Amino acid sequence: MNKMFLKGVSPVIATIILIIISIAAGALLWMWVSGFISSPPPQIQSAWQERIKIEAINIVSNREAKIYVRNLGNVAVNIASAYILTVEGTAIDIVSIEPVISIEPQKVKEISLKIGNPTSYKPGYTYIVKVVTTNGVEASYGFIWPALTE
């Protein structure tokens, strides 16, 4: 019988290849993990800490509503805009608040909204008021439009 001798990779070369593969796998694993563990940019980090809640709404007249917003978070929030929507999500009034209204942590602030077109509202119908911070955090509150005599 013919014996055929097959030569493989030398043990030294095989060891070097295994070390290179291990280092590369460790570096890839470290880059993947560090991407998830590293802290987010400051704007995203503050948005994670922002928590707001609309506690009440008072319809003062056909032309004005007052919204009471509480900052539940640990950082000051800046309210940039407010919306009044139908329950289907159609915007009836869009109010850009300038200058922005700042609310300190654990405080309540009254925000006055001017109603653009009071004929758009029907007494007894449900509407939603939404406020949005400069970082995009939002809070919503449902209410029923009252029968006003103005």
N, C-alpha and C. Protein backbone atom coordinates (compact mmCIF):
# COMPACT_ATOMS: atom_id res chain seq x y z
N MET A 1 0.82 -1.17 0.00
CA MET A 1 0.00 0.00 0.00
C MET A 1 0.86 1.23 0.00
N ASN A 2 0.35 2.16 -0.74
CA ASN A 2 1.05 3.45 -0.77
C ASN A 2 0.53 4.31 0.38
N LYS A 3 1.48 4.74 1.12
CA LYS A 3 1.12 5.67 2.18
C LYS A 3 1.42 7.06 1.70
N MET A 4 0.42 7.88 1.81
CA MET A 4 0.57 9.25 1.38
C MET A 4 0.63 10.12 2.62
N PHE A 5 1.66 10.89 2.70
CA PHE A 5 1.81 11.76 3.85
C PHE A 5 1.31 13.15 3.49
N LEU A 6 0.29 13.62 4.21
CA LEU A 6 -0.23 14.97 4.00
C LEU A 6 0.37 15.88 5.05
N LYS A 7 0.85 17.00 4.56
CA LYS A 7 1.41 17.96 5.49
C LYS A 7 0.35 19.01 5.80
N GLY A 8 0.20 19.37 7.05
CA GLY A 8 -0.73 20.41 7.47
C GLY A 8 0.05 21.67 7.80
N VAL A 9 -0.67 22.59 8.38
CA VAL A 9 -0.05 23.85 8.80
C VAL A 9 0.75 23.56 10.05
N SER A 10 1.90 24.19 10.13
CA SER A 10 2.75 23.93 11.29
C SER A 10 2.06 24.44 12.56
N PRO A 11 2.35 23.85 13.67
CA PRO A 11 1.73 24.26 14.93
C PRO A 11 1.98 25.73 15.28
N VAL A 12 3.09 26.27 14.91
CA VAL A 12 3.40 27.67 15.22
C VAL A 12 2.47 28.58 14.40
N ILE A 13 2.31 28.31 13.11
CA ILE A 13 1.44 29.12 12.25
C ILE A 13 -0.01 28.98 12.72
N ALA A 14 -0.44 27.80 13.07
CA ALA A 14 -1.81 27.58 13.54
C ALA A 14 -2.06 28.38 14.82
N THR A 15 -1.11 28.41 15.70
CA THR A 15 -1.24 29.17 16.94
C THR A 15 -1.34 30.67 16.65
N ILE A 16 -0.54 31.17 15.74
CA ILE A 16 -0.57 32.60 15.37
C ILE A 16 -1.93 32.95 14.75
N ILE A 17 -2.44 32.10 13.88
CA ILE A 17 -3.75 32.35 13.26
C ILE A 17 -4.85 32.37 14.32
N LEU A 18 -4.83 31.44 15.27
CA LEU A 18 -5.83 31.43 16.34
C LEU A 18 -5.74 32.69 17.22
N ILE A 19 -4.55 33.15 17.50
CA ILE A 19 -4.38 34.37 18.31
C ILE A 19 -4.94 35.57 17.56
N ILE A 20 -4.68 35.69 16.25
CA ILE A 20 -5.19 36.81 15.45
C ILE A 20 -6.72 36.79 15.41
N ILE A 21 -7.31 35.60 15.23
CA ILE A 21 -8.77 35.48 15.21
C ILE A 21 -9.35 35.87 16.57
N SER A 22 -8.73 35.45 17.66
CA SER A 22 -9.22 35.79 19.00
C SER A 22 -9.15 37.29 19.26
N ILE A 23 -8.06 37.94 18.86
CA ILE A 23 -7.91 39.39 19.05
C ILE A 23 -8.97 40.13 18.23
N ALA A 24 -9.16 39.71 16.98
CA ALA A 24 -10.15 40.38 16.12
C ALA A 24 -11.56 40.21 16.69
N ALA A 25 -11.91 39.02 17.17
CA ALA A 25 -13.23 38.78 17.74
C ALA A 25 -13.42 39.60 19.01
N GLY A 26 -12.37 39.68 19.84
CA GLY A 26 -12.45 40.49 21.06
C GLY A 26 -12.63 41.96 20.75
N ALA A 27 -11.91 42.47 19.74
CA ALA A 27 -12.04 43.88 19.36
C ALA A 27 -13.44 44.17 18.82
N LEU A 28 -13.99 43.30 18.00
CA LEU A 28 -15.35 43.50 17.48
C LEU A 28 -16.38 43.46 18.61
N LEU A 29 -16.22 42.53 19.53
CA LEU A 29 -17.13 42.43 20.67
C LEU A 29 -17.06 43.70 21.53
N TRP A 30 -15.86 44.19 21.79
CA TRP A 30 -15.69 45.40 22.59
C TRP A 30 -16.33 46.61 21.90
N MET A 31 -16.14 46.76 20.58
CA MET A 31 -16.75 47.89 19.86
C MET A 31 -18.27 47.79 19.89
N TRP A 32 -18.82 46.60 19.76
CA TRP A 32 -20.26 46.42 19.77
C TRP A 32 -20.84 46.76 21.15
N VAL A 33 -20.23 46.26 22.20
CA VAL A 33 -20.71 46.51 23.56
C VAL A 33 -20.53 47.98 23.94
N SER A 34 -19.40 48.57 23.61
CA SER A 34 -19.16 49.96 24.00
C SER A 34 -20.11 50.91 23.28
N GLY A 35 -20.60 50.56 22.11
CA GLY A 35 -21.57 51.39 21.42
C GLY A 35 -22.89 51.46 22.15
N PHE A 36 -23.27 50.39 22.85
CA PHE A 36 -24.53 50.37 23.60
C PHE A 36 -24.37 50.93 25.00
N ILE A 37 -23.19 50.81 25.57
CA ILE A 37 -22.99 51.23 26.95
C ILE A 37 -22.63 52.71 27.04
N SER A 38 -21.99 53.26 26.03
CA SER A 38 -21.56 54.66 26.10
C SER A 38 -22.77 55.58 26.28
N SER A 39 -22.56 56.72 26.92
CA SER A 39 -23.68 57.63 27.19
C SER A 39 -24.13 58.31 25.90
N PRO A 40 -25.44 58.55 25.79
CA PRO A 40 -25.97 59.19 24.58
C PRO A 40 -25.61 60.67 24.54
N PRO A 41 -25.81 61.31 23.39
CA PRO A 41 -25.55 62.75 23.31
C PRO A 41 -26.40 63.51 24.33
N PRO A 42 -25.95 64.69 24.78
CA PRO A 42 -26.65 65.42 25.84
C PRO A 42 -28.12 65.71 25.52
N GLN A 43 -28.46 66.04 24.28
CA GLN A 43 -29.84 66.36 23.95
C GLN A 43 -30.73 65.14 24.14
N ILE A 44 -30.26 63.97 23.70
CA ILE A 44 -31.04 62.75 23.87
C ILE A 44 -31.13 62.39 25.34
N GLN A 45 -30.03 62.57 26.07
CA GLN A 45 -30.02 62.25 27.49
C GLN A 45 -31.03 63.11 28.25
N SER A 46 -31.11 64.41 27.95
CA SER A 46 -32.07 65.26 28.66
C SER A 46 -33.50 64.91 28.24
N ALA A 47 -33.70 64.49 27.00
CA ALA A 47 -35.04 64.08 26.58
C ALA A 47 -35.48 62.85 27.35
N TRP A 48 -34.55 61.95 27.70
CA TRP A 48 -34.89 60.78 28.50
C TRP A 48 -35.30 61.18 29.91
N GLN A 49 -34.78 62.29 30.40
CA GLN A 49 -35.08 62.73 31.76
C GLN A 49 -36.32 63.61 31.83
N GLU A 50 -36.79 64.11 30.70
CA GLU A 50 -37.97 64.97 30.69
C GLU A 50 -39.23 64.14 30.85
N ARG A 51 -40.08 64.57 31.77
CA ARG A 51 -41.38 63.93 31.96
C ARG A 51 -42.37 65.03 32.27
N ILE A 52 -43.38 65.16 31.43
CA ILE A 52 -44.39 66.19 31.65
C ILE A 52 -45.77 65.55 31.67
N LYS A 53 -46.71 66.26 32.32
CA LYS A 53 -48.08 65.77 32.41
C LYS A 53 -49.01 66.97 32.37
N ILE A 54 -50.06 66.88 31.58
CA ILE A 54 -51.10 67.90 31.59
C ILE A 54 -52.07 67.50 32.69
N GLU A 55 -52.22 68.37 33.68
CA GLU A 55 -53.09 68.04 34.81
C GLU A 55 -54.52 68.51 34.61
N ALA A 56 -54.70 69.61 33.89
CA ALA A 56 -56.06 70.12 33.70
C ALA A 56 -56.07 71.11 32.55
N ILE A 57 -57.27 71.39 32.05
CA ILE A 57 -57.47 72.44 31.06
C ILE A 57 -58.71 73.22 31.46
N ASN A 58 -58.64 74.52 31.31
CA ASN A 58 -59.76 75.39 31.63
C ASN A 58 -60.10 76.20 30.39
N ILE A 59 -61.30 76.00 29.85
CA ILE A 59 -61.74 76.79 28.70
C ILE A 59 -62.31 78.09 29.27
N VAL A 60 -61.56 79.17 29.14
CA VAL A 60 -61.93 80.45 29.71
C VAL A 60 -63.05 81.09 28.89
N SER A 61 -62.89 81.04 27.57
CA SER A 61 -63.89 81.61 26.66
C SER A 61 -63.75 80.92 25.31
N ASN A 62 -64.52 81.35 24.32
CA ASN A 62 -64.40 80.81 22.97
C ASN A 62 -63.04 81.11 22.37
N ARG A 63 -62.33 82.06 22.94
CA ARG A 63 -61.06 82.52 22.38
C ARG A 63 -59.83 82.14 23.21
N GLU A 64 -60.03 81.57 24.40
CA GLU A 64 -58.87 81.30 25.26
C GLU A 64 -59.06 80.04 26.08
N ALA A 65 -57.97 79.26 26.18
CA ALA A 65 -57.92 78.08 27.03
C ALA A 65 -56.65 78.15 27.86
N LYS A 66 -56.72 77.66 29.07
CA LYS A 66 -55.54 77.61 29.94
C LYS A 66 -55.23 76.14 30.23
N ILE A 67 -53.96 75.78 30.00
CA ILE A 67 -53.51 74.41 30.22
C ILE A 67 -52.55 74.43 31.40
N TYR A 68 -52.70 73.46 32.29
CA TYR A 68 -51.84 73.36 33.46
C TYR A 68 -50.92 72.15 33.27
N VAL A 69 -49.61 72.43 33.12
CA VAL A 69 -48.62 71.40 32.80
C VAL A 69 -47.67 71.24 33.99
N ARG A 70 -47.49 70.00 34.43
CA ARG A 70 -46.55 69.70 35.52
C ARG A 70 -45.31 69.03 34.95
N ASN A 71 -44.16 69.46 35.44
CA ASN A 71 -42.88 68.83 35.10
C ASN A 71 -42.61 67.76 36.15
N LEU A 72 -42.69 66.49 35.76
CA LEU A 72 -42.46 65.38 36.67
C LEU A 72 -41.00 64.93 36.71
N GLY A 73 -40.18 65.47 35.79
CA GLY A 73 -38.80 65.03 35.67
C GLY A 73 -37.86 65.74 36.61
N ASN A 74 -36.56 65.50 36.39
CA ASN A 74 -35.51 66.08 37.23
C ASN A 74 -34.77 67.21 36.55
N VAL A 75 -35.16 67.56 35.34
CA VAL A 75 -34.54 68.66 34.61
C VAL A 75 -35.63 69.64 34.18
N ALA A 76 -35.24 70.89 34.00
CA ALA A 76 -36.20 71.89 33.52
C ALA A 76 -36.60 71.54 32.08
N VAL A 77 -37.87 71.77 31.76
CA VAL A 77 -38.37 71.52 30.41
C VAL A 77 -38.80 72.83 29.78
N ASN A 78 -38.73 72.88 28.46
CA ASN A 78 -39.14 74.05 27.70
C ASN A 78 -40.28 73.65 26.78
N ILE A 79 -41.47 74.22 27.04
CA ILE A 79 -42.64 73.92 26.21
C ILE A 79 -42.57 74.80 24.97
N ALA A 80 -42.56 74.17 23.79
CA ALA A 80 -42.38 74.90 22.54
C ALA A 80 -43.65 75.05 21.74
N SER A 81 -44.58 74.09 21.86
CA SER A 81 -45.80 74.18 21.05
C SER A 81 -46.93 73.42 21.72
N ALA A 82 -48.14 73.76 21.29
CA ALA A 82 -49.34 73.09 21.79
C ALA A 82 -50.30 72.88 20.63
N TYR A 83 -51.09 71.83 20.73
CA TYR A 83 -52.04 71.49 19.67
C TYR A 83 -53.37 71.15 20.31
N ILE A 84 -54.43 71.45 19.59
CA ILE A 84 -55.75 70.93 19.96
C ILE A 84 -56.19 70.08 18.77
N LEU A 85 -56.50 68.81 19.07
CA LEU A 85 -56.80 67.82 18.05
C LEU A 85 -58.18 67.24 18.25
N THR A 86 -58.76 66.73 17.18
CA THR A 86 -59.96 65.92 17.30
C THR A 86 -59.52 64.54 17.79
N VAL A 87 -60.48 63.71 18.21
CA VAL A 87 -60.10 62.37 18.66
C VAL A 87 -59.53 61.53 17.52
N GLU A 88 -59.82 61.91 16.29
CA GLU A 88 -59.25 61.21 15.13
C GLU A 88 -57.81 61.65 14.87
N GLY A 89 -57.35 62.72 15.52
CA GLY A 89 -55.98 63.19 15.34
C GLY A 89 -55.83 64.37 14.41
N THR A 90 -56.94 64.95 13.93
CA THR A 90 -56.86 66.11 13.06
C THR A 90 -56.61 67.36 13.90
N ALA A 91 -55.60 68.12 13.52
CA ALA A 91 -55.26 69.34 14.26
C ALA A 91 -56.25 70.44 13.95
N ILE A 92 -56.82 71.03 14.99
CA ILE A 92 -57.74 72.15 14.82
C ILE A 92 -57.00 73.46 15.06
N ASP A 93 -56.22 73.50 16.14
CA ASP A 93 -55.40 74.66 16.47
C ASP A 93 -53.98 74.22 16.73
N ILE A 94 -53.03 74.93 16.15
CA ILE A 94 -51.61 74.69 16.37
C ILE A 94 -51.03 75.99 16.90
N VAL A 95 -50.47 75.94 18.10
CA VAL A 95 -49.95 77.15 18.73
C VAL A 95 -48.46 76.98 18.97
N SER A 96 -47.67 77.82 18.32
CA SER A 96 -46.24 77.85 18.58
C SER A 96 -46.01 78.81 19.74
N ILE A 97 -45.37 78.34 20.79
CA ILE A 97 -45.19 79.14 21.99
C ILE A 97 -43.83 79.82 21.93
N GLU A 98 -43.86 81.13 21.76
CA GLU A 98 -42.61 81.90 21.70
C GLU A 98 -42.74 83.13 22.57
N PRO A 99 -41.82 83.38 23.43
CA PRO A 99 -40.69 82.51 23.74
C PRO A 99 -41.16 81.25 24.45
N VAL A 100 -40.33 80.22 24.40
CA VAL A 100 -40.71 78.95 25.02
C VAL A 100 -40.95 79.15 26.51
N ILE A 101 -41.83 78.35 27.05
CA ILE A 101 -42.15 78.43 28.48
C ILE A 101 -41.34 77.37 29.21
N SER A 102 -40.54 77.81 30.16
CA SER A 102 -39.70 76.90 30.93
C SER A 102 -40.42 76.52 32.22
N ILE A 103 -40.38 75.22 32.54
CA ILE A 103 -40.98 74.72 33.77
C ILE A 103 -39.90 74.00 34.56
N GLU A 104 -39.69 74.44 35.78
CA GLU A 104 -38.69 73.84 36.66
C GLU A 104 -39.16 72.46 37.13
N PRO A 105 -38.23 71.59 37.55
CA PRO A 105 -38.62 70.26 38.03
C PRO A 105 -39.64 70.32 39.17
N GLN A 106 -40.63 69.46 39.10
CA GLN A 106 -41.67 69.29 40.11
C GLN A 106 -42.58 70.52 40.26
N LYS A 107 -42.65 71.38 39.26
CA LYS A 107 -43.49 72.58 39.31
C LYS A 107 -44.61 72.49 38.27
N VAL A 108 -45.67 73.28 38.48
CA VAL A 108 -46.79 73.38 37.55
C VAL A 108 -46.77 74.77 36.95
N LYS A 109 -47.06 74.86 35.65
CA LYS A 109 -47.11 76.16 34.98
C LYS A 109 -48.40 76.24 34.18
N GLU A 110 -49.01 77.42 34.20
CA GLU A 110 -50.21 77.68 33.42
C GLU A 110 -49.79 78.21 32.06
N ILE A 111 -50.31 77.58 31.00
CA ILE A 111 -50.01 78.00 29.63
C ILE A 111 -51.31 78.47 29.01
N SER A 112 -51.32 79.71 28.54
CA SER A 112 -52.51 80.28 27.94
C SER A 112 -52.47 80.08 26.43
N LEU A 113 -53.55 79.53 25.88
CA LEU A 113 -53.64 79.30 24.44
C LEU A 113 -54.74 80.18 23.86
N LYS A 114 -54.44 80.81 22.77
CA LYS A 114 -55.45 81.58 22.04
C LYS A 114 -56.12 80.65 21.04
N ILE A 115 -57.43 80.57 21.09
CA ILE A 115 -58.20 79.73 20.17
C ILE A 115 -58.32 80.47 18.85
N GLY A 116 -57.89 79.80 17.77
CA GLY A 116 -57.88 80.44 16.45
C GLY A 116 -59.26 80.61 15.86
N ASN A 117 -60.02 79.55 15.75
CA ASN A 117 -61.33 79.60 15.11
C ASN A 117 -62.34 78.87 16.00
N PRO A 118 -63.05 79.62 16.86
CA PRO A 118 -63.97 78.95 17.80
C PRO A 118 -65.12 78.22 17.13
N THR A 119 -65.43 78.53 15.89
CA THR A 119 -66.53 77.82 15.21
C THR A 119 -66.14 76.39 14.83
N SER A 120 -64.85 76.06 14.95
CA SER A 120 -64.38 74.70 14.66
C SER A 120 -64.75 73.72 15.76
N TYR A 121 -65.11 74.25 16.93
CA TYR A 121 -65.39 73.42 18.09
C TYR A 121 -66.90 73.26 18.29
N LYS A 122 -67.30 72.03 18.62
CA LYS A 122 -68.72 71.74 18.85
C LYS A 122 -68.92 71.38 20.32
N PRO A 123 -69.87 72.04 20.98
CA PRO A 123 -70.13 71.71 22.39
C PRO A 123 -70.48 70.23 22.56
N GLY A 124 -69.92 69.65 23.61
CA GLY A 124 -70.19 68.24 23.91
C GLY A 124 -69.26 67.27 23.21
N TYR A 125 -68.43 67.73 22.28
CA TYR A 125 -67.50 66.85 21.58
C TYR A 125 -66.18 66.76 22.36
N THR A 126 -65.51 65.63 22.23
CA THR A 126 -64.24 65.42 22.91
C THR A 126 -63.09 65.87 22.01
N TYR A 127 -62.15 66.58 22.61
CA TYR A 127 -60.95 67.04 21.92
C TYR A 127 -59.74 66.66 22.76
N ILE A 128 -58.58 66.74 22.16
CA ILE A 128 -57.33 66.40 22.84
C ILE A 128 -56.41 67.59 22.74
N VAL A 129 -55.84 67.99 23.88
CA VAL A 129 -54.82 69.03 23.87
C VAL A 129 -53.48 68.33 24.07
N LYS A 130 -52.48 68.73 23.30
CA LYS A 130 -51.15 68.12 23.37
C LYS A 130 -50.13 69.24 23.48
N VAL A 131 -49.17 69.10 24.40
CA VAL A 131 -48.05 70.03 24.50
C VAL A 131 -46.77 69.26 24.20
N VAL A 132 -45.80 69.97 23.58
CA VAL A 132 -44.55 69.34 23.16
C VAL A 132 -43.38 70.19 23.63
N THR A 133 -42.35 69.54 24.18
CA THR A 133 -41.15 70.25 24.59
C THR A 133 -40.21 70.45 23.41
N THR A 134 -39.18 71.24 23.61
CA THR A 134 -38.20 71.47 22.55
C THR A 134 -37.45 70.20 22.18
N ASN A 135 -37.40 69.21 23.08
CA ASN A 135 -36.74 67.94 22.80
C ASN A 135 -37.69 66.88 22.25
N GLY A 136 -38.97 67.25 22.07
CA GLY A 136 -39.92 66.32 21.46
C GLY A 136 -40.71 65.48 22.42
N VAL A 137 -40.55 65.68 23.72
CA VAL A 137 -41.35 64.95 24.70
C VAL A 137 -42.74 65.58 24.70
N GLU A 138 -43.77 64.75 24.71
CA GLU A 138 -45.13 65.28 24.62
C GLU A 138 -46.05 64.68 25.67
N ALA A 139 -47.11 65.43 25.97
CA ALA A 139 -48.16 64.97 26.88
C ALA A 139 -49.50 65.35 26.27
N SER A 140 -50.50 64.49 26.46
CA SER A 140 -51.84 64.73 25.91
C SER A 140 -52.88 64.65 27.02
N TYR A 141 -54.00 65.32 26.76
CA TYR A 141 -55.09 65.35 27.74
C TYR A 141 -56.41 65.50 26.99
N GLY A 142 -57.36 64.64 27.26
CA GLY A 142 -58.67 64.72 26.61
C GLY A 142 -59.63 65.58 27.41
N PHE A 143 -60.48 66.33 26.70
CA PHE A 143 -61.47 67.16 27.37
C PHE A 143 -62.69 67.32 26.47
N ILE A 144 -63.79 67.73 27.07
CA ILE A 144 -65.04 67.96 26.34
C ILE A 144 -65.24 69.46 26.22
N TRP A 145 -65.50 69.91 24.98
CA TRP A 145 -65.71 71.34 24.75
C TRP A 145 -67.05 71.75 25.37
N PRO A 146 -67.05 72.78 26.24
CA PRO A 146 -68.28 73.18 26.91
C PRO A 146 -69.19 74.02 26.00
N ALA A 147 -70.42 74.15 26.42
CA ALA A 147 -71.37 75.03 25.71
C ALA A 147 -71.16 76.45 26.24
N LEU A 148 -70.49 77.28 25.47
CA LEU A 148 -70.20 78.65 25.86
C LEU A 148 -71.18 79.61 25.21
N THR A 149 -71.41 80.73 25.85
CA THR A 149 -72.40 81.69 25.33
C THR A 149 -71.74 82.96 24.82
N GLU A 150 -70.51 82.92 24.39
CA GLU A 150 -69.85 84.11 23.86
C GLU A 150 -69.95 84.17 22.36
